[in-house]
Amino acid sequence: MRVLLVDDEKELVTTMAQRLALRGIDADWVTSCEDALKSVEAESYDIAILDVKIPGLSGIELKKKLEEKCPGMKFIFMTGHGSEKDYKEGAAEAGVEYYLVKPINIEFLIEKMHKVLEK
C-alpha cells in the first residue's frame, strides 16, 4: 500500500509517515497542494490522506484535482476544525467515507485505510 499524506503541518505528516513506515506502510508526505499534484505525477498512490484546510486549495478541491490525475485513488480527510456535523456534511460533499479528527490515532487510521481500499 502506497500512501500520500498532505497537510501543511510538517511535524504531523513526518511523524505520521514514520509511524506508518514502522508498520510496513510506504508513505510519502507533502505540505502543499502544489507538491501533492507533483507527487502524483511522479509516483503512484493507492490512497491520499488530505487535510481539509490546507493553504492553496481546500482539501475537497485538491481531491477533485487528484481524482482527475489518478482515477481510482482513494481518499480520507483529516481535520482539526469544526463539529461532528461539519465532518459528516463535508464527507458527503467530498464523496469520502471517513473524516478523521486530529490528533489521529495511527491504528484507527490504518484500520480505515484498509476499509477504504477494500471498497
Protein backbone atom coordinates (compact mmCIF):
# COMPACT_ATOMS: atom_id res chain seq x y z
CA MET A 1 0.00 0.00 0.00
CA ARG A 2 1.33 3.43 -1.01
CA VAL A 3 0.03 6.46 0.86
CA LEU A 4 0.33 10.19 0.21
CA LEU A 5 -0.06 12.40 3.30
CA VAL A 6 -0.97 16.04 2.61
CA ASP A 7 -1.01 18.58 5.44
CA ASP A 8 0.62 21.96 5.95
CA GLU A 9 1.75 20.84 9.42
CA LYS A 10 5.15 19.33 8.59
CA GLU A 11 5.66 17.80 12.03
CA LEU A 12 2.32 16.00 11.78
CA VAL A 13 2.89 14.43 8.36
CA THR A 14 6.51 13.48 9.00
CA THR A 15 5.51 11.77 12.25
CA MET A 16 2.58 10.01 10.58
CA ALA A 17 4.82 8.81 7.75
CA GLN A 18 7.35 7.43 10.24
CA ARG A 19 4.65 5.68 12.25
CA LEU A 20 3.15 4.15 9.12
CA ALA A 21 6.61 3.02 7.97
CA LEU A 22 7.14 1.23 11.29
CA ARG A 23 4.01 -0.76 10.42
CA GLY A 24 5.22 -1.63 6.92
CA ILE A 25 3.21 1.01 5.05
CA ASP A 26 5.02 3.09 2.44
CA ALA A 27 4.02 6.75 2.98
CA ASP A 28 5.23 9.93 1.33
CA TRP A 29 4.32 13.36 2.66
CA VAL A 30 3.96 16.87 1.30
CA THR A 31 2.96 20.16 2.87
CA SER A 32 1.25 21.90 -0.06
CA CYS A 33 -1.37 21.27 -2.70
CA GLU A 34 1.17 22.02 -5.45
CA ASP A 35 3.56 19.38 -4.11
CA ALA A 36 0.70 16.87 -3.83
CA LEU A 37 -0.14 17.36 -7.51
CA LYS A 38 3.55 17.00 -8.46
CA SER A 39 3.88 13.85 -6.33
CA VAL A 40 1.09 12.01 -8.13
CA GLU A 41 2.76 12.78 -11.46
CA ALA A 42 5.98 11.12 -10.27
CA GLU A 43 4.58 8.27 -8.15
CA SER A 44 1.52 6.04 -7.94
CA TYR A 45 -0.51 6.03 -4.71
CA ASP A 46 -3.36 3.86 -3.52
CA ILE A 47 -4.72 6.35 -1.03
CA ALA A 48 -4.30 10.00 -0.05
CA ILE A 49 -4.86 11.35 3.45
CA LEU A 50 -5.78 15.02 2.99
CA ASP A 51 -6.09 17.88 5.42
CA VAL A 52 -9.40 19.67 4.95
CA LYS A 53 -7.90 23.13 5.43
CA ILE A 54 -4.63 23.49 3.59
CA PRO A 55 -3.32 26.71 2.01
CA GLY A 56 -3.97 26.97 -1.71
CA LEU A 57 -6.89 24.69 -2.48
CA SER A 58 -9.31 23.24 0.03
CA GLY A 59 -8.97 19.53 0.71
CA ILE A 60 -12.14 18.96 -1.34
CA GLU A 61 -10.77 20.92 -4.31
CA LEU A 62 -7.46 19.06 -4.07
CA LYS A 63 -9.31 15.73 -4.01
CA LYS A 64 -11.08 16.62 -7.27
CA LYS A 65 -7.79 17.51 -8.96
CA LEU A 66 -6.10 14.34 -7.70
CA GLU A 67 -9.03 12.23 -8.94
CA GLU A 68 -8.57 13.71 -12.42
CA LYS A 69 -4.90 12.73 -12.41
CA CYS A 70 -5.31 9.41 -10.58
CA PRO A 71 -8.64 7.71 -11.23
CA GLY A 72 -9.17 5.01 -8.65
CA MET A 73 -7.19 6.71 -5.90
CA LYS A 74 -8.98 6.55 -2.54
CA PHE A 75 -9.22 9.38 -0.01
CA ILE A 76 -9.55 10.02 3.70
CA PHE A 77 -9.85 13.53 5.12
CA MET A 78 -8.44 14.71 8.41
CA THR A 79 -9.23 17.93 10.22
CA GLY A 80 -8.66 19.75 13.44
CA HIS A 81 -11.56 22.17 12.95
CA GLY A 82 -15.35 22.06 13.11
CA SER A 83 -18.05 19.90 14.63
CA GLU A 84 -19.09 16.31 14.02
CA LYS A 85 -21.98 17.64 11.92
CA ASP A 86 -19.50 19.59 9.78
CA TYR A 87 -17.43 16.45 9.24
CA LYS A 88 -20.42 14.38 8.13
CA GLU A 89 -21.63 17.09 5.76
CA GLY A 90 -18.12 17.59 4.40
CA ALA A 91 -17.61 13.88 3.88
CA ALA A 92 -20.88 13.64 1.97
CA GLU A 93 -19.94 16.65 -0.16
CA ALA A 94 -16.48 15.28 -0.87
CA GLY A 95 -17.67 11.76 -1.57
CA VAL A 96 -15.49 10.19 1.11
CA GLU A 97 -16.41 7.79 3.84
CA TYR A 98 -14.00 8.93 6.53
CA TYR A 99 -13.26 12.29 8.07
CA LEU A 100 -10.82 11.81 10.94
CA VAL A 101 -10.28 14.32 13.72
CA LYS A 102 -6.75 15.35 14.70
CA PRO A 103 -4.85 14.16 16.58
CA ILE A 104 -5.05 10.96 14.54
CA ASN A 105 -4.82 7.59 16.24
CA ILE A 106 -2.48 5.70 13.89
CA GLU A 107 -4.07 2.28 14.45
CA PHE A 108 -7.52 3.73 13.75
CA LEU A 109 -6.17 5.40 10.59
CA ILE A 110 -4.68 2.13 9.35
CA GLU A 111 -7.96 0.31 10.01
CA LYS A 112 -9.86 2.95 7.99
CA MET A 113 -7.29 2.87 5.18
CA HIS A 114 -7.79 -0.88 4.79
CA LYS A 115 -11.58 -0.47 4.77
CA VAL A 116 -11.43 2.27 2.13
CA LEU A 117 -9.13 0.20 -0.08
CA GLU A 118 -11.39 -2.87 0.20
CA LYS A 119 -14.27 -0.97 -1.43
